[in-house]
Amino acid sequence: PKVFTVSQNFPNPFNPLTTLQYTIPDNAVVKITIFDNMGRLVKNLMDGYQIAGRNTIQWNATDNNGQDVSAGLYFYTLEAGSIIKTGKMLLLK
């Protein structure tokens, strides 16, 4: 891959599992973080080194303590090197 891409999570809206798909053009430390609509940290989904290419990760609507989160709007931020992309997703229960 030559460009950094982040696809919209699927399905969206979701309950309780959603998948994020992204492509990184170079090997990099990738950080994926979930925030609520107030900007509070909900989940550190990924923080590690990945090789270039297409990757997927799933979120099961739980926080860092393993507790189910409430229905609502959430934001995901994906950082790879100096590139940062943000998207939104909706959890319906």
PDB file of N, CA and C in Angstrom:
ATOM      1  N   PRO A   1       0.834  -1.202   0.000  1.00  0.00           N
ATOM      2  CA  PRO A   1       0.000   0.000   0.000  1.00  0.00           C
ATOM      3  C   PRO A   1       0.870   1.255   0.000  1.00  0.00           C
ATOM      4  N   LYS A   2       0.413   2.271  -0.683  1.00  0.00           N
ATOM      5  CA  LYS A   2       1.174   3.510  -0.773  1.00  0.00           C
ATOM      6  C   LYS A   2       0.601   4.634   0.080  1.00  0.00           C
ATOM      7  N   VAL A   3      -0.632   4.466   0.553  1.00  0.00           N
ATOM      8  CA  VAL A   3      -1.262   5.517   1.352  1.00  0.00           C
ATOM      9  C   VAL A   3      -1.847   4.938   2.638  1.00  0.00           C
ATOM     10  N   PHE A   4      -1.995   5.821   3.604  1.00  0.00           N
ATOM     11  CA  PHE A   4      -2.602   5.481   4.884  1.00  0.00           C
ATOM     12  C   PHE A   4      -4.108   5.658   4.751  1.00  0.00           C
ATOM     13  N   THR A   5      -4.875   4.618   5.030  1.00  0.00           N
ATOM     14  CA  THR A   5      -6.327   4.717   4.945  1.00  0.00           C
ATOM     15  C   THR A   5      -6.967   4.099   6.185  1.00  0.00           C
ATOM     16  N   VAL A   6      -8.110   4.642   6.545  1.00  0.00           N
ATOM     17  CA  VAL A   6      -8.932   4.086   7.620  1.00  0.00           C
ATOM     18  C   VAL A   6     -10.349   4.020   7.080  1.00  0.00           C
ATOM     19  N   SER A   7     -10.912   2.829   7.025  1.00  0.00           N
ATOM     20  CA  SER A   7     -12.281   2.656   6.544  1.00  0.00           C
ATOM     21  C   SER A   7     -13.256   2.873   7.696  1.00  0.00           C
ATOM     22  N   GLN A   8     -14.479   3.255   7.342  1.00  0.00           N
ATOM     23  CA  GLN A   8     -15.528   3.391   8.354  1.00  0.00           C
ATOM     24  C   GLN A   8     -15.742   2.040   9.017  1.00  0.00           C
ATOM     25  N   ASN A   9     -15.933   2.051  10.332  1.00  0.00           N
ATOM     26  CA  ASN A   9     -16.170   0.782  11.029  1.00  0.00           C
ATOM     27  C   ASN A   9     -17.397   0.087  10.436  1.00  0.00           C
ATOM     28  N   PHE A  10     -17.413  -1.235  10.549  1.00  0.00           N
ATOM     29  CA  PHE A  10     -18.510  -2.031  10.002  1.00  0.00           C
ATOM     30  C   PHE A  10     -18.898  -3.078  11.013  1.00  0.00           C
ATOM     31  N   PRO A  11     -20.146  -3.280  11.323  1.00  0.00           N
ATOM     32  CA  PRO A  11     -21.278  -2.448  10.923  1.00  0.00           C
ATOM     33  C   PRO A  11     -21.314  -1.156  11.734  1.00  0.00           C
ATOM     34  N   ASN A  12     -22.041  -0.211  11.227  1.00  0.00           N
ATOM     35  CA  ASN A  12     -22.239   1.063  11.916  1.00  0.00           C
ATOM     36  C   ASN A  12     -23.630   1.565  11.584  1.00  0.00           C
ATOM     37  N   PRO A  13     -24.538   1.660  12.521  1.00  0.00           N
ATOM     38  CA  PRO A  13     -24.421   1.399  13.947  1.00  0.00           C
ATOM     39  C   PRO A  13     -24.152  -0.089  14.232  1.00  0.00           C
ATOM     40  N   PHE A  14     -23.666  -0.348  15.439  1.00  0.00           N
ATOM     41  CA  PHE A  14     -23.307  -1.718  15.819  1.00  0.00           C
ATOM     42  C   PHE A  14     -23.841  -2.062  17.190  1.00  0.00           C
ATOM     43  N   ASN A  15     -23.895  -3.378  17.468  1.00  0.00           N
ATOM     44  CA  ASN A  15     -24.268  -3.897  18.775  1.00  0.00           C
ATOM     45  C   ASN A  15     -23.902  -5.365  18.841  1.00  0.00           C
ATOM     46  N   PRO A  16     -23.011  -5.798  19.638  1.00  0.00           N
ATOM     47  CA  PRO A  16     -22.035  -5.058  20.419  1.00  0.00           C
ATOM     48  C   PRO A  16     -20.644  -5.100  19.789  1.00  0.00           C
ATOM     49  N   LEU A  17     -20.501  -5.631  18.565  1.00  0.00           N
ATOM     50  CA  LEU A  17     -19.178  -5.831  17.969  1.00  0.00           C
ATOM     51  C   LEU A  17     -19.054  -5.060  16.657  1.00  0.00           C
ATOM     52  N   THR A  18     -17.928  -4.380  16.485  1.00  0.00           N
ATOM     53  CA  THR A  18     -17.665  -3.663  15.237  1.00  0.00           C
ATOM     54  C   THR A  18     -16.215  -3.885  14.835  1.00  0.00           C
ATOM     55  N   THR A  19     -15.935  -3.722  13.554  1.00  0.00           N
ATOM     56  CA  THR A  19     -14.601  -3.958  13.005  1.00  0.00           C
ATOM     57  C   THR A  19     -14.067  -2.690  12.365  1.00  0.00           C
ATOM     58  N   LEU A  20     -12.812  -2.380  12.667  1.00  0.00           N
ATOM     59  CA  LEU A  20     -12.104  -1.275  12.028  1.00  0.00           C
ATOM     60  C   LEU A  20     -11.081  -1.872  11.077  1.00  0.00           C
ATOM     61  N   GLN A  21     -11.027  -1.342   9.866  1.00  0.00           N
ATOM     62  CA  GLN A  21     -10.054  -1.797   8.874  1.00  0.00           C
ATOM     63  C   GLN A  21      -9.210  -0.604   8.455  1.00  0.00           C
ATOM     64  N   TYR A  22      -7.908  -0.800   8.385  1.00  0.00           N
ATOM     65  CA  TYR A  22      -6.999   0.290   8.045  1.00  0.00           C
ATOM     66  C   TYR A  22      -5.793  -0.253   7.297  1.00  0.00           C
ATOM     67  N   THR A  23      -5.144   0.636   6.558  1.00  0.00           N
ATOM     68  CA  THR A  23      -3.965   0.283   5.775  1.00  0.00           C
ATOM     69  C   THR A  23      -2.858   1.262   6.126  1.00  0.00           C
ATOM     70  N   ILE A  24      -1.685   0.711   6.437  1.00  0.00           N
ATOM     71  CA  ILE A  24      -0.528   1.571   6.700  1.00  0.00           C
ATOM     72  C   ILE A  24       0.538   1.290   5.641  1.00  0.00           C
ATOM     73  N   PRO A  25       1.131   2.360   5.069  1.00  0.00           N
ATOM     74  CA  PRO A  25       2.087   2.187   3.983  1.00  0.00           C
ATOM     75  C   PRO A  25       3.479   1.761   4.444  1.00  0.00           C
ATOM     76  N   ASP A  26       3.815   2.017   5.695  1.00  0.00           N
ATOM     77  CA  ASP A  26       5.132   1.671   6.233  1.00  0.00           C
ATOM     78  C   ASP A  26       4.978   1.000   7.585  1.00  0.00           C
ATOM     79  N   ASN A  27       5.965   0.206   7.961  1.00  0.00           N
ATOM     80  CA  ASN A  27       5.971  -0.360   9.303  1.00  0.00           C
ATOM     81  C   ASN A  27       5.924   0.785  10.305  1.00  0.00           C
ATOM     82  N   ALA A  28       5.105   0.643  11.338  1.00  0.00           N
ATOM     83  CA  ALA A  28       4.951   1.734  12.295  1.00  0.00           C
ATOM     84  C   ALA A  28       4.346   1.236  13.600  1.00  0.00           C
ATOM     85  N   VAL A  29       4.525   2.044  14.635  1.00  0.00           N
ATOM     86  CA  VAL A  29       3.793   1.818  15.878  1.00  0.00           C
ATOM     87  C   VAL A  29       2.391   2.377  15.648  1.00  0.00           C
ATOM     88  N   VAL A  30       1.393   1.539  15.858  1.00  0.00           N
ATOM     89  CA  VAL A  30       0.000   1.918  15.623  1.00  0.00           C
ATOM     90  C   VAL A  30      -0.708   1.992  16.968  1.00  0.00           C
ATOM     91  N   LYS A  31      -1.434   3.085  17.142  1.00  0.00           N
ATOM     92  CA  LYS A  31      -2.196   3.307  18.363  1.00  0.00           C
ATOM     93  C   LYS A  31      -3.637   3.561  17.964  1.00  0.00           C
ATOM     94  N   ILE A  32      -4.561   2.750  18.503  1.00  0.00           N
ATOM     95  CA  ILE A  32      -5.991   2.947  18.247  1.00  0.00           C
ATOM     96  C   ILE A  32      -6.675   3.157  19.592  1.00  0.00           C
ATOM     97  N   THR A  33      -7.358   4.297  19.699  1.00  0.00           N
ATOM     98  CA  THR A  33      -7.976   4.689  20.955  1.00  0.00           C
ATOM     99  C   THR A  33      -9.438   5.031  20.717  1.00  0.00           C
ATOM    100  N   ILE A  34     -10.301   4.625  21.648  1.00  0.00           N
ATOM    101  CA  ILE A  34     -11.733   4.916  21.591  1.00  0.00           C
ATOM    102  C   ILE A  34     -12.062   5.957  22.659  1.00  0.00           C
ATOM    103  N   PHE A  35     -12.836   6.987  22.260  1.00  0.00           N
ATOM    104  CA  PHE A  35     -13.280   8.040  23.168  1.00  0.00           C
ATOM    105  C   PHE A  35     -14.800   8.133  23.134  1.00  0.00           C
ATOM    106  N   ASP A  36     -15.398   8.606  24.226  1.00  0.00           N
ATOM    107  CA  ASP A  36     -16.839   8.850  24.218  1.00  0.00           C
ATOM    108  C   ASP A  36     -17.109  10.244  23.643  1.00  0.00           C
ATOM    109  N   ASN A  37     -18.378  10.627  23.581  1.00  0.00           N
ATOM    110  CA  ASN A  37     -18.723  11.907  22.948  1.00  0.00           C
ATOM    111  C   ASN A  37     -18.335  13.119  23.798  1.00  0.00           C
ATOM    112  N   MET A  38     -17.863  12.895  25.017  1.00  0.00           N
ATOM    113  CA  MET A  38     -17.356  13.977  25.862  1.00  0.00           C
ATOM    114  C   MET A  38     -15.832  14.070  25.791  1.00  0.00           C
ATOM    115  N   GLY A  39     -15.211  13.192  24.993  1.00  0.00           N
ATOM    116  CA  GLY A  39     -13.760  13.211  24.835  1.00  0.00           C
ATOM    117  C   GLY A  39     -13.002  12.414  25.876  1.00  0.00           C
ATOM    118  N   ARG A  40     -13.733  11.639  26.694  1.00  0.00           N
ATOM    119  CA  ARG A  40     -13.083  10.822  27.721  1.00  0.00           C
ATOM    120  C   ARG A  40     -12.586   9.507  27.121  1.00  0.00           C
ATOM    121  N   LEU A  41     -11.421   9.082  27.556  1.00  0.00           N
ATOM    122  CA  LEU A  41     -10.852   7.817  27.103  1.00  0.00           C
ATOM    123  C   LEU A  41     -11.747   6.665  27.532  1.00  0.00           C
ATOM    124  N   VAL A  42     -12.085   5.791  26.596  1.00  0.00           N
ATOM    125  CA  VAL A  42     -12.901   4.613  26.881  1.00  0.00           C
ATOM    126  C   VAL A  42     -12.047   3.347  26.795  1.00  0.00           C
ATOM    127  N   LYS A  43     -11.288   3.224  25.696  1.00  0.00           N
ATOM    128  CA  LYS A  43     -10.561   1.978  25.473  1.00  0.00           C
ATOM    129  C   LYS A  43      -9.284   2.244  24.686  1.00  0.00           C
ATOM    130  N   ASN A  44      -8.181   1.663  25.149  1.00  0.00           N
ATOM    131  CA  ASN A  44      -6.947   1.606  24.371  1.00  0.00           C
ATOM    132  C   ASN A  44      -7.005   0.292  23.597  1.00  0.00           C
ATOM    133  N   LEU A  45      -7.407   0.373  22.349  1.00  0.00           N
ATOM    134  CA  LEU A  45      -7.673  -0.826  21.564  1.00  0.00           C
ATOM    135  C   LEU A  45      -6.388  -1.465  21.039  1.00  0.00           C
ATOM    136  N   MET A  46      -5.404  -0.631  20.679  1.00  0.00           N
ATOM    137  CA  MET A  46      -4.165  -1.148  20.117  1.00  0.00           C
ATOM    138  C   MET A  46      -3.038  -0.179  20.404  1.00  0.00           C
ATOM    139  N   ASP A  47      -1.894  -0.695  20.745  1.00  0.00           N
ATOM    140  CA  ASP A  47      -0.695   0.124  20.915  1.00  0.00           C
ATOM    141  C   ASP A  47       0.497  -0.796  20.699  1.00  0.00           C
ATOM    142  N   GLY A  48       0.915  -0.891  19.433  1.00  0.00           N
ATOM    143  CA  GLY A  48       2.009  -1.803  19.137  1.00  0.00           C
ATOM    144  C   GLY A  48       2.526  -1.653  17.722  1.00  0.00           C
ATOM    145  N   TYR A  49       3.627  -2.305  17.457  1.00  0.00           N
ATOM    146  CA  TYR A  49       4.293  -2.246  16.166  1.00  0.00           C
ATOM    147  C   TYR A  49       3.580  -3.155  15.167  1.00  0.00           C
ATOM    148  N   GLN A  50       3.330  -2.630  13.963  1.00  0.00           N
ATOM    149  CA  GLN A  50       2.705  -3.434  12.912  1.00  0.00           C
ATOM    150  C   GLN A  50       3.457  -3.223  11.605  1.00  0.00           C
ATOM    151  N   ILE A  51       3.460  -4.263  10.782  1.00  0.00           N
ATOM    152  CA  ILE A  51       4.100  -4.146   9.483  1.00  0.00           C
ATOM    153  C   ILE A  51       3.136  -3.511   8.484  1.00  0.00           C
ATOM    154  N   ALA A  52       3.694  -2.952   7.426  1.00  0.00           N
ATOM    155  CA  ALA A  52       2.883  -2.286   6.404  1.00  0.00           C
ATOM    156  C   ALA A  52       1.864  -3.253   5.821  1.00  0.00           C
ATOM    157  N   GLY A  53       0.695  -2.726   5.471  1.00  0.00           N
ATOM    158  CA  GLY A  53      -0.338  -3.540   4.858  1.00  0.00           C
ATOM    159  C   GLY A  53      -1.703  -3.262   5.458  1.00  0.00           C
ATOM    160  N   ARG A  54      -2.653  -4.111   5.078  1.00  0.00           N
ATOM    161  CA  ARG A  54      -4.036  -3.982   5.549  1.00  0.00           C
ATOM    162  C   ARG A  54      -4.194  -4.747   6.861  1.00  0.00           C
ATOM    163  N   ASN A  55      -4.862  -4.113   7.804  1.00  0.00           N
ATOM    164  CA  ASN A  55      -5.077  -4.698   9.120  1.00  0.00           C
ATOM    165  C   ASN A  55      -6.523  -4.486   9.543  1.00  0.00           C
ATOM    166  N   THR A  56      -7.005  -5.354  10.416  1.00  0.00           N
ATOM    167  CA  THR A  56      -8.332  -5.185  10.999  1.00  0.00           C
ATOM    168  C   THR A  56      -8.242  -5.425  12.500  1.00  0.00           C
ATOM    169  N   ILE A  57      -9.149  -4.778  13.215  1.00  0.00           N
ATOM    170  CA  ILE A  57      -9.247  -4.984  14.658  1.00  0.00           C
ATOM    171  C   ILE A  57     -10.714  -4.829  15.037  1.00  0.00           C
ATOM    172  N   GLN A  58     -11.138  -5.561  16.053  1.00  0.00           N
ATOM    173  CA  GLN A  58     -12.528  -5.496  16.489  1.00  0.00           C
ATOM    174  C   GLN A  58     -12.623  -4.864  17.868  1.00  0.00           C
ATOM    175  N   TRP A  59     -13.741  -4.186  18.087  1.00  0.00           N
ATOM    176  CA  TRP A  59     -14.054  -3.630  19.404  1.00  0.00           C
ATOM    177  C   TRP A  59     -15.384  -4.202  19.842  1.00  0.00           C
ATOM    178  N   ASN A  60     -15.423  -4.723  21.061  1.00  0.00           N
ATOM    179  CA  ASN A  60     -16.623  -5.380  21.577  1.00  0.00           C
ATOM    180  C   ASN A  60     -17.425  -4.503  22.541  1.00  0.00           C
ATOM    181  N   ALA A  61     -17.298  -3.188  22.420  1.00  0.00           N
ATOM    182  CA  ALA A  61     -18.072  -2.225  23.210  1.00  0.00           C
ATOM    183  C   ALA A  61     -17.834  -2.359  24.707  1.00  0.00           C
ATOM    184  N   THR A  62     -16.571  -2.610  25.082  1.00  0.00           N
ATOM    185  CA  THR A  62     -16.194  -2.612  26.488  1.00  0.00           C
ATOM    186  C   THR A  62     -15.122  -1.554  26.716  1.00  0.00           C
ATOM    187  N   ASP A  63     -15.002  -1.113  27.973  1.00  0.00           N
ATOM    188  CA  ASP A  63     -13.980  -0.119  28.302  1.00  0.00           C
ATOM    189  C   ASP A  63     -12.685  -0.805  28.737  1.00  0.00           C
ATOM    190  N   ASN A  64     -11.720  -0.031  29.199  1.00  0.00           N
ATOM    191  CA  ASN A  64     -10.432  -0.587  29.628  1.00  0.00           C
ATOM    192  C   ASN A  64     -10.546  -1.499  30.837  1.00  0.00           C
ATOM    193  N   ASN A  65     -11.672  -1.413  31.566  1.00  0.00           N
ATOM    194  CA  ASN A  65     -11.893  -2.282  32.731  1.00  0.00           C
ATOM    195  C   ASN A  65     -12.699  -3.528  32.387  1.00  0.00           C
ATOM    196  N   GLY A  66     -13.054  -3.688  31.107  1.00  0.00           N
ATOM    197  CA  GLY A  66     -13.846  -4.841  30.694  1.00  0.00           C
ATOM    198  C   GLY A  66     -15.339  -4.673  30.889  1.00  0.00           C
ATOM    199  N   GLN A  67     -15.772  -3.486  31.295  1.00  0.00           N
ATOM    200  CA  GLN A  67     -17.195  -3.221  31.513  1.00  0.00           C
ATOM    201  C   GLN A  67     -17.860  -2.811  30.196  1.00  0.00           C
ATOM    202  N   ASP A  68     -19.102  -3.237  30.002  1.00  0.00           N
ATOM    203  CA  ASP A  68     -19.864  -2.812  28.823  1.00  0.00           C
ATOM    204  C   ASP A  68     -20.075  -1.312  28.868  1.00  0.00           C
ATOM    205  N   VAL A  69     -19.960  -0.655  27.708  1.00  0.00           N
ATOM    206  CA  VAL A  69     -20.209   0.782  27.633  1.00  0.00           C
ATOM    207  C   VAL A  69     -21.656   1.008  27.236  1.00  0.00           C
ATOM    208  N   SER A  70     -22.165   2.199  27.509  1.00  0.00           N
ATOM    209  CA  SER A  70     -23.557   2.512  27.199  1.00  0.00           C
ATOM    210  C   SER A  70     -23.715   2.863  25.720  1.00  0.00           C
ATOM    211  N   ALA A  71     -24.949   2.797  25.262  1.00  0.00           N
ATOM    212  CA  ALA A  71     -25.255   3.164  23.884  1.00  0.00           C
ATOM    213  C   ALA A  71     -24.897   4.630  23.667  1.00  0.00           C
ATOM    214  N   GLY A  72     -24.478   4.951  22.448  1.00  0.00           N
ATOM    215  CA  GLY A  72     -24.163   6.341  22.145  1.00  0.00           C
ATOM    216  C   GLY A  72     -23.127   6.469  21.054  1.00  0.00           C
ATOM    217  N   LEU A  73     -22.664   7.695  20.889  1.00  0.00           N
ATOM    218  CA  LEU A  73     -21.686   8.033  19.866  1.00  0.00           C
ATOM    219  C   LEU A  73     -20.281   7.899  20.434  1.00  0.00           C
ATOM    220  N   TYR A  74     -19.405   7.249  19.685  1.00  0.00           N
ATOM    221  CA  TYR A  74     -18.010   7.069  20.083  1.00  0.00           C
ATOM    222  C   TYR A  74     -17.107   7.484  18.933  1.00  0.00           C
ATOM    223  N   PHE A  75     -15.899   7.878  19.283  1.00  0.00           N
ATOM    224  CA  PHE A  75     -14.901   8.280  18.294  1.00  0.00           C
ATOM    225  C   PHE A  75     -13.701   7.368  18.410  1.00  0.00           C
ATOM    226  N   TYR A  76     -13.135   7.005  17.268  1.00  0.00           N
ATOM    227  CA  TYR A  76     -11.888   6.236  17.274  1.00  0.00           C
ATOM    228  C   TYR A  76     -10.804   7.083  16.634  1.00  0.00           C
ATOM    229  N   THR A  77      -9.621   7.022  17.212  1.00  0.00           N
ATOM    230  CA  THR A  77      -8.459   7.715  16.683  1.00  0.00           C
ATOM    231  C   THR A  77      -7.396   6.681  16.381  1.00  0.00           C
ATOM    232  N   LEU A  78      -6.884   6.713  15.167  1.00  0.00           N
ATOM    233  CA  LEU A  78      -5.832   5.804  14.759  1.00  0.00           C
ATOM    234  C   LEU A  78      -4.594   6.624  14.449  1.00  0.00           C
ATOM    235  N   GLU A  79      -3.498   6.321  15.147  1.00  0.00           N
ATOM    236  CA  GLU A  79      -2.226   7.006  14.941  1.00  0.00           C
ATOM    237  C   GLU A  79      -1.215   5.995  14.410  1.00  0.00           C
ATOM    238  N   ALA A  80      -0.530   6.372  13.345  1.00  0.00           N
ATOM    239  CA  ALA A  80       0.548   5.546  12.794  1.00  0.00           C
ATOM    240  C   ALA A  80       1.666   6.496  12.389  1.00  0.00           C
ATOM    241  N   GLY A  81       2.747   6.485  13.162  1.00  0.00           N
ATOM    242  CA  GLY A  81       3.804   7.461  12.912  1.00  0.00           C
ATOM    243  C   GLY A  81       3.288   8.853  13.196  1.00  0.00           C
ATOM    244  N   SER A  82       3.419   9.740  12.222  1.00  0.00           N
ATOM    245  CA  SER A  82       2.974  11.126  12.408  1.00  0.00           C
ATOM    246  C   SER A  82       1.557  11.363  11.879  1.00  0.00           C
ATOM    247  N   ILE A  83       0.906  10.314  11.388  1.00  0.00           N
ATOM    248  CA  ILE A  83      -0.430  10.445  10.794  1.00  0.00           C
ATOM    249  C   ILE A  83      -1.493  10.081  11.831  1.00  0.00           C
ATOM    250  N   ILE A  84      -2.534  10.907  11.900  1.00  0.00           N
ATOM    251  CA  ILE A  84      -3.643  10.664  12.822  1.00  0.00           C
ATOM    252  C   ILE A  84      -4.957  10.795  12.053  1.00  0.00           C
ATOM    253  N   LYS A  85      -5.816   9.785  12.176  1.00  0.00           N
ATOM    254  CA  LYS A  85      -7.149   9.818  11.566  1.00  0.00           C
ATOM    255  C   LYS A  85      -8.178   9.542  12.642  1.00  0.00           C
ATOM    256  N   THR A  86      -9.318  10.225  12.538  1.00  0.00           N
ATOM    257  CA  THR A  86     -10.398  10.054  13.503  1.00  0.00           C
ATOM    258  C   THR A  86     -11.698   9.761  12.772  1.00  0.00           C
ATOM    259  N   GLY A  87     -12.513   8.889  13.350  1.00  0.00           N
ATOM    260  CA  GLY A  87     -13.824   8.577  12.795  1.00  0.00           C
ATOM    261  C   GLY A  87     -14.822   8.432  13.923  1.00  0.00           C
ATOM    262  N   LYS A  88     -16.094   8.347  13.556  1.00  0.00           N
ATOM    263  CA  LYS A  88     -17.128   8.192  14.582  1.00  0.00           C
ATOM    264  C   LYS A  88     -17.943   6.941  14.307  1.00  0.00           C
ATOM    265  N   MET A  89     -18.512   6.404  15.393  1.00  0.00           N
ATOM    266  CA  MET A  89     -19.331   5.199  15.300  1.00  0.00           C
ATOM    267  C   MET A  89     -20.435   5.275  16.328  1.00  0.00           C
ATOM    268  N   LEU A  90     -21.500   4.542  16.075  1.00  0.00           N
ATOM    269  CA  LEU A  90     -22.685   4.601  16.913  1.00  0.00           C
ATOM    270  C   LEU A  90     -23.010   3.218  17.461  1.00  0.00           C
ATOM    271  N   LEU A  91     -23.062   3.126  18.778  1.00  0.00           N
ATOM    272  CA  LEU A  91     -23.448   1.886  19.470  1.00  0.00           C
ATOM    273  C   LEU A  91     -24.918   1.993  19.839  1.00  0.00           C
ATOM    274  N   LEU A  92     -25.723   1.057  19.324  1.00  0.00           N
ATOM    275  CA  LEU A  92     -27.151   0.994  19.657  1.00  0.00           C
ATOM    276  C   LEU A  92     -27.390  -0.265  20.483  1.00  0.00           C
ATOM    277  N   LYS A  93     -28.211  -0.141  21.497  1.00  0.00           N
ATOM    278  CA  LYS A  93     -28.549  -1.319  22.321  1.00  0.00           C
ATOM    279  C   LYS A  93     -30.025  -1.513  22.320  1.00  0.00           C
TER     280      LYS A  93
END
